[in-house]
Amino acid sequence: MFAAQGYDATTVDEVAAAAGVSRRTLFDYFRAKEDLALSGLDQQGELIAARLAGRPADEDPWSALRAAFQVLDEIETSAESSLEVMTPLFGNDSLRAGHAEKQAHWQDLFTPLIEPRLPASDRRTLQARAITASAITCMQAASQEWTRLRGQADLFDLYDTAVHAVRGLT
């Protein structure tokens, strides 16, 4: 409904009616309209974290994160469906804010999984948090570009380009 009508034009009452539940029941599961629209991001974060936890312990942080992000490519959805979900995300301020909140949760999930991959130091947690935040931001930038290009590029090629820019690689 958000894709068809637009996020702002779709009411919670319409979503509840389409789902066959009351507005109150809907809010038992989602605390706000933004959570309803962004609910898939929680599951994606958990899938990425699980994949990251299973990566070889000696793999460098950037490679481990990229490999873990690949789970996004494995989620059964068409490019058209992904575009329907992602297009409103980058064009709406409240969804963008909700997306940032979800990404902060991703950072909390991934940082402890990246920290052991770094050399011991009193700033290792900070380094892990910075790498994780940078990788998540690179994925967001790649996703936004993929959406702008209407899915006519490989998401992970775009991600690699973003990571190379952040890391100062050519």
N, C-alpha and C. Protein backbone atom coordinates (compact mmCIF):
# COMPACT_ATOMS: atom_id res chain seq x y z
N MET A 1 0.83 -1.20 0.00
CA MET A 1 0.00 0.00 0.00
C MET A 1 0.86 1.25 0.00
N PHE A 2 1.97 1.22 0.77
CA PHE A 2 2.84 2.38 0.80
C PHE A 2 3.41 2.65 -0.59
N ALA A 3 3.78 1.58 -1.29
CA ALA A 3 4.35 1.74 -2.63
C ALA A 3 3.30 2.23 -3.61
N ALA A 4 2.10 1.70 -3.52
CA ALA A 4 1.04 2.04 -4.47
C ALA A 4 0.48 3.44 -4.25
N GLN A 5 0.26 3.81 -3.00
CA GLN A 5 -0.39 5.08 -2.68
C GLN A 5 0.57 6.16 -2.22
N GLY A 6 1.77 5.75 -1.84
CA GLY A 6 2.69 6.68 -1.22
C GLY A 6 2.59 6.56 0.28
N TYR A 7 3.71 6.74 0.94
CA TYR A 7 3.75 6.57 2.39
C TYR A 7 2.83 7.56 3.09
N ASP A 8 2.94 8.83 2.75
CA ASP A 8 2.15 9.86 3.44
C ASP A 8 0.66 9.73 3.17
N ALA A 9 0.29 9.24 1.98
CA ALA A 9 -1.12 9.14 1.62
C ALA A 9 -1.79 7.90 2.20
N THR A 10 -1.01 6.97 2.70
CA THR A 10 -1.57 5.73 3.25
C THR A 10 -1.77 5.89 4.75
N THR A 11 -2.98 5.61 5.20
CA THR A 11 -3.27 5.75 6.63
C THR A 11 -3.09 4.41 7.34
N VAL A 12 -2.88 4.50 8.63
CA VAL A 12 -2.77 3.30 9.45
C VAL A 12 -4.09 2.54 9.41
N ASP A 13 -5.20 3.24 9.39
CA ASP A 13 -6.50 2.58 9.32
C ASP A 13 -6.64 1.76 8.03
N GLU A 14 -6.14 2.28 6.92
CA GLU A 14 -6.19 1.53 5.66
C GLU A 14 -5.33 0.27 5.74
N VAL A 15 -4.15 0.39 6.34
CA VAL A 15 -3.27 -0.77 6.48
C VAL A 15 -3.93 -1.81 7.38
N ALA A 16 -4.50 -1.37 8.49
CA ALA A 16 -5.17 -2.30 9.41
C ALA A 16 -6.33 -3.02 8.71
N ALA A 17 -7.12 -2.26 7.96
CA ALA A 17 -8.25 -2.86 7.25
C ALA A 17 -7.76 -3.88 6.22
N ALA A 18 -6.71 -3.54 5.49
CA ALA A 18 -6.17 -4.46 4.48
C ALA A 18 -5.62 -5.73 5.14
N ALA A 19 -5.09 -5.59 6.34
CA ALA A 19 -4.54 -6.74 7.06
C ALA A 19 -5.62 -7.52 7.80
N GLY A 20 -6.83 -6.97 7.86
CA GLY A 20 -7.93 -7.65 8.53
C GLY A 20 -7.84 -7.60 10.04
N VAL A 21 -7.20 -6.54 10.57
CA VAL A 21 -7.07 -6.37 12.01
C VAL A 21 -7.51 -4.96 12.39
N SER A 22 -7.70 -4.76 13.66
CA SER A 22 -8.06 -3.42 14.13
C SER A 22 -6.80 -2.55 14.22
N ARG A 23 -7.02 -1.26 14.26
CA ARG A 23 -5.91 -0.32 14.44
C ARG A 23 -5.17 -0.65 15.74
N ARG A 24 -5.91 -0.96 16.78
CA ARG A 24 -5.32 -1.26 18.07
C ARG A 24 -4.43 -2.51 17.99
N THR A 25 -4.91 -3.54 17.30
CA THR A 25 -4.11 -4.76 17.14
C THR A 25 -2.84 -4.45 16.36
N LEU A 26 -2.96 -3.64 15.34
CA LEU A 26 -1.78 -3.26 14.56
C LEU A 26 -0.73 -2.60 15.46
N PHE A 27 -1.19 -1.74 16.36
CA PHE A 27 -0.25 -1.06 17.26
C PHE A 27 0.25 -1.96 18.40
N ASP A 28 -0.33 -3.14 18.54
CA ASP A 28 0.26 -4.13 19.45
C ASP A 28 1.57 -4.65 18.88
N TYR A 29 1.70 -4.63 17.57
CA TYR A 29 2.89 -5.15 16.88
C TYR A 29 3.85 -4.08 16.40
N PHE A 30 3.33 -2.90 16.12
CA PHE A 30 4.15 -1.79 15.60
C PHE A 30 3.84 -0.54 16.41
N ARG A 31 4.89 0.12 16.91
CA ARG A 31 4.66 1.27 17.78
C ARG A 31 4.30 2.53 17.01
N ALA A 32 4.62 2.58 15.71
CA ALA A 32 4.32 3.75 14.90
C ALA A 32 4.22 3.34 13.43
N LYS A 33 3.67 4.21 12.63
CA LYS A 33 3.54 3.97 11.20
C LYS A 33 4.90 3.70 10.57
N GLU A 34 5.93 4.41 11.01
CA GLU A 34 7.28 4.21 10.47
C GLU A 34 7.77 2.79 10.73
N ASP A 35 7.49 2.27 11.93
CA ASP A 35 7.89 0.90 12.25
C ASP A 35 7.22 -0.12 11.34
N LEU A 36 5.98 0.15 11.01
CA LEU A 36 5.25 -0.72 10.09
C LEU A 36 5.94 -0.74 8.72
N ALA A 37 6.28 0.43 8.23
CA ALA A 37 6.92 0.53 6.91
C ALA A 37 8.33 -0.03 6.91
N LEU A 38 9.01 0.03 8.04
CA LEU A 38 10.42 -0.37 8.11
C LEU A 38 10.63 -1.71 8.82
N SER A 39 9.57 -2.45 9.05
CA SER A 39 9.67 -3.66 9.87
C SER A 39 10.66 -4.68 9.31
N GLY A 40 10.81 -4.74 8.02
CA GLY A 40 11.74 -5.70 7.42
C GLY A 40 13.19 -5.44 7.77
N LEU A 41 13.52 -4.22 8.13
CA LEU A 41 14.91 -3.88 8.45
C LEU A 41 15.39 -4.59 9.72
N ASP A 42 14.50 -4.80 10.67
CA ASP A 42 14.89 -5.53 11.89
C ASP A 42 15.31 -6.96 11.54
N GLN A 43 14.49 -7.62 10.73
CA GLN A 43 14.80 -8.99 10.32
C GLN A 43 16.09 -9.02 9.50
N GLN A 44 16.26 -8.07 8.61
CA GLN A 44 17.48 -8.02 7.80
C GLN A 44 18.71 -7.87 8.68
N GLY A 45 18.64 -7.00 9.68
CA GLY A 45 19.76 -6.81 10.59
C GLY A 45 20.12 -8.09 11.32
N GLU A 46 19.11 -8.83 11.76
CA GLU A 46 19.35 -10.10 12.45
C GLU A 46 19.99 -11.12 11.51
N LEU A 47 19.53 -11.16 10.27
CA LEU A 47 20.11 -12.09 9.28
C LEU A 47 21.57 -11.74 8.98
N ILE A 48 21.85 -10.45 8.85
CA ILE A 48 23.22 -10.02 8.58
C ILE A 48 24.11 -10.37 9.78
N ALA A 49 23.63 -10.10 10.99
CA ALA A 49 24.41 -10.40 12.20
C ALA A 49 24.70 -11.89 12.29
N ALA A 50 23.71 -12.71 11.99
CA ALA A 50 23.92 -14.16 12.04
C ALA A 50 24.96 -14.59 11.02
N ARG A 51 24.89 -14.03 9.83
CA ARG A 51 25.87 -14.35 8.80
C ARG A 51 27.26 -13.87 9.21
N LEU A 52 27.33 -12.68 9.80
CA LEU A 52 28.61 -12.12 10.25
C LEU A 52 29.22 -13.01 11.35
N ALA A 53 28.39 -13.47 12.25
CA ALA A 53 28.87 -14.33 13.35
C ALA A 53 29.46 -15.64 12.82
N GLY A 54 28.98 -16.07 11.68
CA GLY A 54 29.47 -17.32 11.11
C GLY A 54 30.66 -17.18 10.18
N ARG A 55 31.14 -15.98 9.98
CA ARG A 55 32.29 -15.77 9.09
C ARG A 55 33.57 -16.24 9.80
N PRO A 56 34.58 -16.63 9.02
CA PRO A 56 35.85 -17.07 9.62
C PRO A 56 36.44 -15.98 10.53
N ALA A 57 36.93 -16.40 11.69
CA ALA A 57 37.44 -15.45 12.69
C ALA A 57 38.63 -14.65 12.19
N ASP A 58 39.40 -15.19 11.26
CA ASP A 58 40.59 -14.48 10.78
C ASP A 58 40.31 -13.60 9.56
N GLU A 59 39.07 -13.53 9.14
CA GLU A 59 38.71 -12.68 8.00
C GLU A 59 38.73 -11.21 8.43
N ASP A 60 39.26 -10.35 7.58
CA ASP A 60 39.32 -8.94 7.96
C ASP A 60 37.90 -8.36 8.08
N PRO A 61 37.73 -7.31 8.87
CA PRO A 61 36.40 -6.77 9.14
C PRO A 61 35.62 -6.36 7.90
N TRP A 62 36.28 -5.69 6.96
CA TRP A 62 35.59 -5.21 5.76
C TRP A 62 35.09 -6.37 4.91
N SER A 63 35.92 -7.39 4.75
CA SER A 63 35.52 -8.57 3.97
C SER A 63 34.39 -9.31 4.66
N ALA A 64 34.47 -9.43 5.97
CA ALA A 64 33.42 -10.12 6.73
C ALA A 64 32.09 -9.39 6.61
N LEU A 65 32.13 -8.07 6.71
CA LEU A 65 30.89 -7.30 6.59
C LEU A 65 30.30 -7.41 5.19
N ARG A 66 31.15 -7.32 4.17
CA ARG A 66 30.64 -7.44 2.80
C ARG A 66 29.99 -8.80 2.60
N ALA A 67 30.66 -9.85 3.05
CA ALA A 67 30.11 -11.20 2.91
C ALA A 67 28.80 -11.34 3.68
N ALA A 68 28.72 -10.73 4.84
CA ALA A 68 27.49 -10.80 5.64
C ALA A 68 26.35 -10.03 4.96
N PHE A 69 26.67 -8.90 4.36
CA PHE A 69 25.65 -8.11 3.66
C PHE A 69 25.07 -8.88 2.48
N GLN A 70 25.80 -9.86 1.95
CA GLN A 70 25.33 -10.65 0.82
C GLN A 70 24.00 -11.33 1.12
N VAL A 71 23.68 -11.52 2.39
CA VAL A 71 22.40 -12.13 2.74
C VAL A 71 21.24 -11.29 2.19
N LEU A 72 21.45 -9.99 2.02
CA LEU A 72 20.41 -9.13 1.47
C LEU A 72 20.08 -9.53 0.03
N ASP A 73 21.08 -9.99 -0.69
CA ASP A 73 20.90 -10.42 -2.07
C ASP A 73 20.18 -11.76 -2.15
N GLU A 74 20.17 -12.49 -1.05
CA GLU A 74 19.58 -13.83 -1.02
C GLU A 74 18.12 -13.83 -0.58
N ILE A 75 17.64 -12.69 -0.09
CA ILE A 75 16.26 -12.59 0.34
C ILE A 75 15.38 -12.66 -0.91
N GLU A 76 14.42 -13.55 -0.87
CA GLU A 76 13.56 -13.79 -2.04
C GLU A 76 12.66 -12.59 -2.29
N THR A 77 13.09 -11.74 -3.21
CA THR A 77 12.27 -10.61 -3.63
C THR A 77 12.73 -10.17 -5.01
N SER A 78 11.83 -9.65 -5.75
CA SER A 78 12.19 -9.17 -7.08
C SER A 78 12.74 -7.76 -6.99
N ALA A 79 13.43 -7.34 -8.04
CA ALA A 79 13.95 -5.97 -8.08
C ALA A 79 12.79 -4.98 -8.00
N GLU A 80 11.68 -5.31 -8.64
CA GLU A 80 10.52 -4.42 -8.62
C GLU A 80 9.97 -4.26 -7.20
N SER A 81 9.89 -5.36 -6.48
CA SER A 81 9.41 -5.31 -5.10
C SER A 81 10.37 -4.50 -4.23
N SER A 82 11.66 -4.72 -4.41
CA SER A 82 12.66 -3.97 -3.65
C SER A 82 12.55 -2.47 -3.94
N LEU A 83 12.37 -2.14 -5.20
CA LEU A 83 12.22 -0.72 -5.56
C LEU A 83 10.97 -0.13 -4.93
N GLU A 84 9.87 -0.89 -4.90
CA GLU A 84 8.64 -0.40 -4.28
C GLU A 84 8.84 -0.07 -2.80
N VAL A 85 9.64 -0.90 -2.13
CA VAL A 85 9.89 -0.70 -0.71
C VAL A 85 10.90 0.43 -0.49
N MET A 86 11.95 0.46 -1.30
CA MET A 86 13.05 1.39 -1.05
C MET A 86 12.79 2.81 -1.55
N THR A 87 12.03 2.97 -2.61
CA THR A 87 11.81 4.30 -3.16
C THR A 87 11.21 5.26 -2.14
N PRO A 88 10.14 4.89 -1.44
CA PRO A 88 9.60 5.82 -0.44
C PRO A 88 10.59 6.11 0.70
N LEU A 89 11.41 5.13 1.01
CA LEU A 89 12.36 5.26 2.11
C LEU A 89 13.26 6.48 1.94
N PHE A 90 13.76 6.68 0.74
CA PHE A 90 14.72 7.76 0.51
C PHE A 90 14.05 9.09 0.18
N GLY A 91 12.72 9.09 0.07
CA GLY A 91 12.03 10.33 -0.26
C GLY A 91 11.16 10.87 0.84
N ASN A 92 11.23 10.30 2.02
CA ASN A 92 10.36 10.72 3.12
C ASN A 92 11.19 10.94 4.37
N ASP A 93 11.07 12.12 4.96
CA ASP A 93 11.90 12.46 6.12
C ASP A 93 11.64 11.56 7.32
N SER A 94 10.38 11.22 7.61
CA SER A 94 10.13 10.39 8.79
C SER A 94 10.62 8.96 8.56
N LEU A 95 10.51 8.46 7.33
CA LEU A 95 11.05 7.13 7.05
C LEU A 95 12.57 7.14 7.10
N ARG A 96 13.15 8.21 6.62
CA ARG A 96 14.61 8.33 6.66
C ARG A 96 15.09 8.32 8.12
N ALA A 97 14.38 9.01 8.98
CA ALA A 97 14.74 9.05 10.41
C ALA A 97 14.57 7.66 11.04
N GLY A 98 13.48 6.99 10.69
CA GLY A 98 13.27 5.64 11.20
C GLY A 98 14.32 4.67 10.69
N HIS A 99 14.73 4.86 9.45
CA HIS A 99 15.78 4.03 8.86
C HIS A 99 17.09 4.24 9.62
N ALA A 100 17.40 5.48 9.96
CA ALA A 100 18.62 5.78 10.72
C ALA A 100 18.58 5.09 12.09
N GLU A 101 17.41 5.06 12.70
CA GLU A 101 17.27 4.39 14.00
C GLU A 101 17.52 2.88 13.85
N LYS A 102 16.98 2.30 12.79
CA LYS A 102 17.21 0.86 12.54
C LYS A 102 18.68 0.59 12.28
N GLN A 103 19.33 1.48 11.55
CA GLN A 103 20.75 1.30 11.26
C GLN A 103 21.59 1.44 12.52
N ALA A 104 21.18 2.28 13.45
CA ALA A 104 21.89 2.39 14.73
C ALA A 104 21.78 1.05 15.48
N HIS A 105 20.64 0.41 15.36
CA HIS A 105 20.49 -0.92 15.98
C HIS A 105 21.40 -1.93 15.29
N TRP A 106 21.48 -1.85 13.96
CA TRP A 106 22.41 -2.73 13.22
C TRP A 106 23.83 -2.53 13.74
N GLN A 107 24.21 -1.29 13.94
CA GLN A 107 25.56 -0.99 14.43
C GLN A 107 25.79 -1.66 15.78
N ASP A 108 24.80 -1.61 16.65
CA ASP A 108 24.92 -2.27 17.95
C ASP A 108 25.04 -3.79 17.82
N LEU A 109 24.36 -4.35 16.82
CA LEU A 109 24.44 -5.80 16.59
C LEU A 109 25.80 -6.20 16.01
N PHE A 110 26.32 -5.43 15.08
CA PHE A 110 27.51 -5.83 14.33
C PHE A 110 28.81 -5.50 15.04
N THR A 111 28.85 -4.41 15.81
CA THR A 111 30.10 -3.97 16.43
C THR A 111 30.76 -5.06 17.28
N PRO A 112 30.03 -5.75 18.15
CA PRO A 112 30.69 -6.79 18.95
C PRO A 112 31.21 -7.96 18.11
N LEU A 113 30.67 -8.11 16.90
CA LEU A 113 31.12 -9.18 16.02
C LEU A 113 32.36 -8.77 15.21
N ILE A 114 32.57 -7.48 15.09
CA ILE A 114 33.74 -6.94 14.37
C ILE A 114 34.91 -6.74 15.32
N GLU A 115 34.65 -6.36 16.54
CA GLU A 115 35.71 -6.04 17.50
C GLU A 115 36.77 -7.14 17.64
N PRO A 116 36.42 -8.42 17.77
CA PRO A 116 37.45 -9.45 17.93
C PRO A 116 38.34 -9.63 16.69
N ARG A 117 37.93 -9.08 15.58
CA ARG A 117 38.70 -9.19 14.34
C ARG A 117 39.83 -8.15 14.27
N LEU A 118 39.84 -7.24 15.22
CA LEU A 118 40.82 -6.15 15.23
C LEU A 118 41.92 -6.44 16.24
N PRO A 119 43.11 -5.87 16.00
CA PRO A 119 44.20 -6.05 16.97
C PRO A 119 43.80 -5.48 18.34
N ALA A 120 44.27 -6.12 19.39
CA ALA A 120 43.98 -5.65 20.74
C ALA A 120 44.50 -4.23 20.93
N SER A 121 43.66 -3.41 21.49
CA SER A 121 44.04 -2.03 21.81
C SER A 121 42.96 -1.45 22.71
N ASP A 122 43.28 -0.36 23.38
CA ASP A 122 42.29 0.27 24.25
C ASP A 122 41.23 1.02 23.44
N ARG A 123 41.41 1.10 22.12
CA ARG A 123 40.44 1.79 21.26
C ARG A 123 39.79 0.83 20.26
N ARG A 124 39.90 -0.43 20.53
CA ARG A 124 39.37 -1.43 19.60
C ARG A 124 37.85 -1.30 19.44
N THR A 125 37.13 -1.04 20.51
CA THR A 125 35.68 -0.89 20.41
C THR A 125 35.33 0.30 19.53
N LEU A 126 36.03 1.40 19.72
CA LEU A 126 35.82 2.58 18.89
C LEU A 126 36.10 2.24 17.42
N GLN A 127 37.19 1.56 17.17
CA GLN A 127 37.53 1.20 15.79
C GLN A 127 36.46 0.29 15.19
N ALA A 128 36.00 -0.67 15.95
CA ALA A 128 34.97 -1.58 15.45
C ALA A 128 33.68 -0.82 15.16
N ARG A 129 33.33 0.11 16.05
CA ARG A 129 32.12 0.91 15.83
C ARG A 129 32.26 1.78 14.59
N ALA A 130 33.43 2.36 14.37
CA ALA A 130 33.65 3.21 13.20
C ALA A 130 33.58 2.40 11.90
N ILE A 131 34.20 1.23 11.90
CA ILE A 131 34.17 0.38 10.71
C ILE A 131 32.74 -0.06 10.42
N THR A 132 32.04 -0.48 11.45
CA THR A 132 30.66 -0.94 11.29
C THR A 132 29.77 0.19 10.78
N ALA A 133 29.88 1.35 11.39
CA ALA A 133 29.07 2.49 10.96
C ALA A 133 29.38 2.86 9.51
N SER A 134 30.65 2.83 9.16
CA SER A 134 31.05 3.17 7.79
C SER A 134 30.49 2.16 6.79
N ALA A 135 30.57 0.88 7.12
CA ALA A 135 30.06 -0.16 6.22
C ALA A 135 28.55 -0.03 6.04
N ILE A 136 27.84 0.23 7.12
CA ILE A 136 26.39 0.40 7.04
C ILE A 136 26.05 1.61 6.19
N THR A 137 26.78 2.70 6.37
CA THR A 137 26.54 3.90 5.58
C THR A 137 26.86 3.65 4.11
N CYS A 138 27.90 2.88 3.84
CA CYS A 138 28.21 2.52 2.45
C CYS A 138 27.07 1.71 1.84
N MET A 139 26.49 0.80 2.62
CA MET A 139 25.36 0.01 2.11
C MET A 139 24.15 0.92 1.87
N GLN A 140 23.94 1.88 2.75
CA GLN A 140 22.83 2.81 2.55
C GLN A 140 23.05 3.65 1.30
N ALA A 141 24.26 4.15 1.12
CA ALA A 141 24.57 4.95 -0.08
C ALA A 141 24.40 4.12 -1.34
N ALA A 142 24.85 2.88 -1.30
CA ALA A 142 24.70 1.99 -2.46
C ALA A 142 23.22 1.72 -2.74
N SER A 143 22.45 1.49 -1.69
CA SER A 143 21.02 1.23 -1.85
C SER A 143 20.30 2.45 -2.42
N GLN A 144 20.68 3.61 -1.95
CA GLN A 144 20.06 4.83 -2.45
C GLN A 144 20.41 5.03 -3.93
N GLU A 145 21.65 4.77 -4.31
CA GLU A 145 22.05 4.88 -5.71
C GLU A 145 21.36 3.82 -6.55
N TRP A 146 21.26 2.61 -6.04
CA TRP A 146 20.56 1.54 -6.75
C TRP A 146 19.11 1.93 -7.01
N THR A 147 18.49 2.55 -6.01
CA THR A 147 17.11 3.01 -6.16
C THR A 147 17.03 4.13 -7.20
N ARG A 148 17.97 5.06 -7.14
CA ARG A 148 17.98 6.16 -8.12
C ARG A 148 18.13 5.63 -9.53
N LEU A 149 18.92 4.57 -9.68
CA LEU A 149 19.15 3.95 -10.99
C LEU A 149 18.04 2.95 -11.36
N ARG A 150 17.00 2.87 -10.51
CA ARG A 150 15.85 2.00 -10.73
C ARG A 150 16.25 0.54 -10.86
N GLY A 151 17.27 0.14 -10.08
CA GLY A 151 17.68 -1.26 -10.04
C GLY A 151 18.53 -1.69 -11.23
N GLN A 152 19.00 -0.73 -12.01
CA GLN A 152 19.75 -1.05 -13.22
C GLN A 152 21.25 -1.09 -12.98
N ALA A 153 21.65 -1.53 -11.80
CA ALA A 153 23.07 -1.70 -11.45
C ALA A 153 23.13 -2.80 -10.41
N ASP A 154 24.30 -3.36 -10.24
CA ASP A 154 24.49 -4.38 -9.21
C ASP A 154 24.71 -3.68 -7.86
N LEU A 155 23.88 -4.01 -6.89
CA LEU A 155 23.97 -3.37 -5.57
C LEU A 155 25.35 -3.52 -4.97
N PHE A 156 25.96 -4.68 -5.12
CA PHE A 156 27.25 -4.90 -4.46
C PHE A 156 28.41 -4.26 -5.22
N ASP A 157 28.25 -4.02 -6.50
CA ASP A 157 29.24 -3.19 -7.21
C ASP A 157 29.17 -1.76 -6.67
N LEU A 158 27.96 -1.27 -6.43
CA LEU A 158 27.79 0.07 -5.87
C LEU A 158 28.34 0.12 -4.44
N TYR A 159 28.09 -0.93 -3.66
CA TYR A 159 28.63 -0.99 -2.31
C TYR A 159 30.16 -0.97 -2.34
N ASP A 160 30.75 -1.76 -3.22
CA ASP A 160 32.21 -1.79 -3.32
C ASP A 160 32.76 -0.41 -3.69
N THR A 161 32.08 0.29 -4.58
CA THR A 161 32.51 1.64 -4.96
C THR A 161 32.46 2.57 -3.74
N ALA A 162 31.40 2.47 -2.96
CA ALA A 162 31.27 3.31 -1.76
C ALA A 162 32.36 2.98 -0.74
N VAL A 163 32.61 1.70 -0.52
CA VAL A 163 33.65 1.29 0.44
C VAL A 163 35.02 1.78 -0.03
N HIS A 164 35.30 1.64 -1.31
CA HIS A 164 36.59 2.11 -1.83
C HIS A 164 36.74 3.61 -1.62
N ALA A 165 35.66 4.36 -1.78
CA ALA A 165 35.72 5.81 -1.55
C ALA A 165 36.03 6.12 -0.09
N VAL A 166 35.37 5.41 0.82
CA VAL A 166 35.59 5.63 2.27
C VAL A 166 37.01 5.23 2.69
N ARG A 167 37.46 4.14 2.14
CA ARG A 167 38.77 3.62 2.54
C ARG A 167 39.91 4.25 1.76
N GLY A 168 39.61 5.11 0.79
CA GLY A 168 40.65 5.78 0.03
C GLY A 168 41.36 4.85 -0.94
N LEU A 169 40.63 3.82 -1.41
CA LEU A 169 41.20 2.88 -2.36
C LEU A 169 40.80 3.28 -3.78
N THR A 170 41.58 2.84 -4.73
CA THR A 170 41.23 3.15 -6.13
C THR A 170 40.59 1.98 -6.82
